Amino acid sequence: MLSGRDVRDIMAACRSWRRPDLPITGDDALAAGLAGRAIGHALSRVAAIWVESDFELDRSALLKHLVE
């Protein structure tokens, strides 16, 4: 069972966590030849891949997933 201190430490870690910024942007999508709604769809898809990787994939790996 968790102690009160354990719970406080976990809560502090949760409060201090900040979502990292996606390493690619709409400018990257434009440079890849995407336009209009395709940019948003591609960025959403790549963001999901990035989250699934536990934010491990770097910019170059994500760019490979941009146009699929």
N, C-alpha and C. Protein backbone atom coordinates (compact mmCIF):
# COMPACT_ATOMS: atom_id res chain seq x y z
N MET A 1 0.85 -1.19 0.00
CA MET A 1 0.00 0.00 0.00
C MET A 1 0.89 1.25 0.00
N LEU A 2 0.43 2.26 -0.69
CA LEU A 2 1.19 3.51 -0.77
C LEU A 2 1.03 4.32 0.50
N SER A 3 2.12 4.93 0.92
CA SER A 3 2.08 5.82 2.08
C SER A 3 1.60 7.20 1.62
N GLY A 4 1.28 8.04 2.57
CA GLY A 4 0.88 9.41 2.24
C GLY A 4 1.98 10.14 1.52
N ARG A 5 3.22 9.90 1.90
CA ARG A 5 4.36 10.53 1.24
C ARG A 5 4.47 10.06 -0.22
N ASP A 6 4.26 8.74 -0.45
CA ASP A 6 4.29 8.22 -1.81
C ASP A 6 3.25 8.90 -2.68
N VAL A 7 2.06 9.04 -2.15
CA VAL A 7 0.97 9.68 -2.89
C VAL A 7 1.33 11.13 -3.19
N ARG A 8 1.87 11.84 -2.22
CA ARG A 8 2.28 13.24 -2.45
C ARG A 8 3.36 13.33 -3.52
N ASP A 9 4.32 12.40 -3.49
CA ASP A 9 5.39 12.41 -4.50
C ASP A 9 4.83 12.15 -5.89
N ILE A 10 3.91 11.22 -5.98
CA ILE A 10 3.28 10.91 -7.27
C ILE A 10 2.48 12.11 -7.77
N MET A 11 1.73 12.74 -6.89
CA MET A 11 0.93 13.90 -7.27
C MET A 11 1.84 15.05 -7.71
N ALA A 12 2.95 15.25 -7.03
CA ALA A 12 3.88 16.32 -7.40
C ALA A 12 4.47 16.03 -8.78
N ALA A 13 4.80 14.78 -9.05
CA ALA A 13 5.34 14.42 -10.36
C ALA A 13 4.30 14.66 -11.45
N CYS A 14 3.05 14.33 -11.18
CA CYS A 14 1.97 14.55 -12.15
C CYS A 14 1.78 16.03 -12.42
N ARG A 15 1.81 16.84 -11.39
CA ARG A 15 1.62 18.29 -11.56
C ARG A 15 2.76 18.93 -12.33
N SER A 16 3.97 18.42 -12.18
CA SER A 16 5.13 19.05 -12.82
C SER A 16 5.35 18.56 -14.26
N TRP A 17 4.67 17.47 -14.66
CA TRP A 17 4.87 16.94 -16.01
C TRP A 17 4.31 17.88 -17.04
N ARG A 18 5.04 18.11 -18.08
CA ARG A 18 4.58 18.94 -19.19
C ARG A 18 4.69 18.13 -20.47
N ARG A 19 3.65 18.18 -21.26
CA ARG A 19 3.66 17.47 -22.54
C ARG A 19 4.74 18.08 -23.43
N PRO A 20 5.59 17.25 -24.00
CA PRO A 20 6.60 17.79 -24.90
C PRO A 20 5.97 18.31 -26.19
N ASP A 21 6.64 19.25 -26.82
CA ASP A 21 6.16 19.80 -28.09
C ASP A 21 6.48 18.84 -29.22
N LEU A 22 5.52 18.63 -30.10
CA LEU A 22 5.72 17.79 -31.28
C LEU A 22 6.87 18.38 -32.10
N PRO A 23 7.88 17.57 -32.43
CA PRO A 23 9.06 18.10 -33.11
C PRO A 23 8.85 18.51 -34.57
N ILE A 24 7.68 18.30 -35.13
CA ILE A 24 7.40 18.76 -36.48
C ILE A 24 6.22 19.71 -36.46
N THR A 25 6.11 20.52 -37.51
CA THR A 25 5.06 21.55 -37.55
C THR A 25 4.35 21.54 -38.90
N GLY A 26 3.41 22.43 -39.01
CA GLY A 26 2.72 22.60 -40.27
C GLY A 26 3.66 23.02 -41.39
N ASP A 27 4.71 23.74 -41.07
CA ASP A 27 5.70 24.11 -42.08
C ASP A 27 6.35 22.87 -42.69
N ASP A 28 6.59 21.86 -41.84
CA ASP A 28 7.16 20.61 -42.35
C ASP A 28 6.18 19.92 -43.29
N ALA A 29 4.90 19.97 -42.93
CA ALA A 29 3.87 19.36 -43.78
C ALA A 29 3.78 20.09 -45.12
N LEU A 30 3.85 21.41 -45.09
CA LEU A 30 3.85 22.19 -46.33
C LEU A 30 5.06 21.83 -47.19
N ALA A 31 6.22 21.73 -46.55
CA ALA A 31 7.44 21.39 -47.28
C ALA A 31 7.36 19.99 -47.89
N ALA A 32 6.55 19.13 -47.27
CA ALA A 32 6.38 17.76 -47.78
C ALA A 32 5.33 17.71 -48.89
N GLY A 33 4.74 18.87 -49.22
CA GLY A 33 3.78 18.93 -50.32
C GLY A 33 2.32 18.79 -49.90
N LEU A 34 2.06 18.78 -48.62
CA LEU A 34 0.67 18.67 -48.16
C LEU A 34 0.01 20.05 -48.18
N ALA A 35 -1.31 20.05 -48.28
CA ALA A 35 -2.06 21.31 -48.29
C ALA A 35 -3.41 21.10 -47.63
N GLY A 36 -4.01 22.19 -47.22
CA GLY A 36 -5.36 22.16 -46.67
C GLY A 36 -5.53 21.22 -45.49
N ARG A 37 -6.64 20.51 -45.50
CA ARG A 37 -6.97 19.61 -44.39
C ARG A 37 -5.97 18.47 -44.24
N ALA A 38 -5.28 18.14 -45.32
CA ALA A 38 -4.30 17.05 -45.27
C ALA A 38 -3.20 17.35 -44.26
N ILE A 39 -2.90 18.63 -44.05
CA ILE A 39 -1.87 19.01 -43.08
C ILE A 39 -2.31 18.61 -41.68
N GLY A 40 -3.51 18.98 -41.31
CA GLY A 40 -4.03 18.64 -39.98
C GLY A 40 -4.14 17.15 -39.76
N HIS A 41 -4.62 16.45 -40.78
CA HIS A 41 -4.75 15.00 -40.68
C HIS A 41 -3.39 14.34 -40.50
N ALA A 42 -2.42 14.79 -41.29
CA ALA A 42 -1.08 14.21 -41.19
C ALA A 42 -0.44 14.50 -39.84
N LEU A 43 -0.57 15.73 -39.36
CA LEU A 43 0.01 16.08 -38.06
C LEU A 43 -0.65 15.30 -36.93
N SER A 44 -1.95 15.11 -37.01
CA SER A 44 -2.65 14.32 -36.00
C SER A 44 -2.18 12.87 -36.01
N ARG A 45 -2.03 12.32 -37.21
CA ARG A 45 -1.58 10.94 -37.33
C ARG A 45 -0.16 10.78 -36.77
N VAL A 46 0.72 11.71 -37.13
CA VAL A 46 2.11 11.65 -36.64
C VAL A 46 2.16 11.86 -35.14
N ALA A 47 1.33 12.75 -34.62
CA ALA A 47 1.30 12.97 -33.16
C ALA A 47 0.89 11.69 -32.44
N ALA A 48 -0.07 10.96 -33.00
CA ALA A 48 -0.49 9.70 -32.38
C ALA A 48 0.64 8.68 -32.40
N ILE A 49 1.38 8.63 -33.49
CA ILE A 49 2.52 7.72 -33.59
C ILE A 49 3.57 8.10 -32.54
N TRP A 50 3.80 9.39 -32.38
CA TRP A 50 4.78 9.89 -31.41
C TRP A 50 4.38 9.54 -29.98
N VAL A 51 3.11 9.74 -29.65
CA VAL A 51 2.62 9.39 -28.32
C VAL A 51 2.77 7.89 -28.09
N GLU A 52 2.40 7.10 -29.10
CA GLU A 52 2.51 5.64 -29.00
C GLU A 52 3.95 5.20 -28.75
N SER A 53 4.90 5.97 -29.27
CA SER A 53 6.32 5.66 -29.06
C SER A 53 6.82 6.17 -27.72
N ASP A 54 5.91 6.69 -26.91
CA ASP A 54 6.25 7.29 -25.61
C ASP A 54 7.20 8.47 -25.81
N PHE A 55 6.97 9.23 -26.87
CA PHE A 55 7.71 10.45 -27.20
C PHE A 55 9.18 10.17 -27.51
N GLU A 56 9.48 8.94 -27.92
CA GLU A 56 10.87 8.55 -28.20
C GLU A 56 11.31 8.89 -29.62
N LEU A 57 10.39 8.86 -30.58
CA LEU A 57 10.77 9.12 -31.97
C LEU A 57 11.24 10.57 -32.12
N ASP A 58 12.35 10.74 -32.82
CA ASP A 58 12.87 12.09 -33.03
C ASP A 58 12.29 12.70 -34.31
N ARG A 59 12.70 13.92 -34.56
CA ARG A 59 12.18 14.68 -35.69
C ARG A 59 12.33 13.92 -37.01
N SER A 60 13.53 13.38 -37.28
CA SER A 60 13.75 12.71 -38.57
C SER A 60 12.86 11.48 -38.71
N ALA A 61 12.66 10.74 -37.63
CA ALA A 61 11.79 9.57 -37.69
C ALA A 61 10.34 10.00 -37.93
N LEU A 62 9.92 11.07 -37.31
CA LEU A 62 8.54 11.54 -37.48
C LEU A 62 8.31 12.08 -38.88
N LEU A 63 9.31 12.74 -39.46
CA LEU A 63 9.16 13.25 -40.82
C LEU A 63 8.90 12.12 -41.80
N LYS A 64 9.47 10.95 -41.56
CA LYS A 64 9.24 9.79 -42.42
C LYS A 64 7.78 9.35 -42.40
N HIS A 65 7.10 9.61 -41.29
CA HIS A 65 5.68 9.22 -41.14
C HIS A 65 4.73 10.30 -41.65
N LEU A 66 5.26 11.47 -41.96
CA LEU A 66 4.40 12.60 -42.32
C LEU A 66 3.57 12.33 -43.56
N VAL A 67 4.18 11.78 -44.58
CA VAL A 67 3.46 11.51 -45.83
C VAL A 67 3.41 10.00 -46.00
N GLU A 68 2.26 9.43 -45.72
CA GLU A 68 2.06 7.98 -45.86
C GLU A 68 0.84 7.70 -46.68
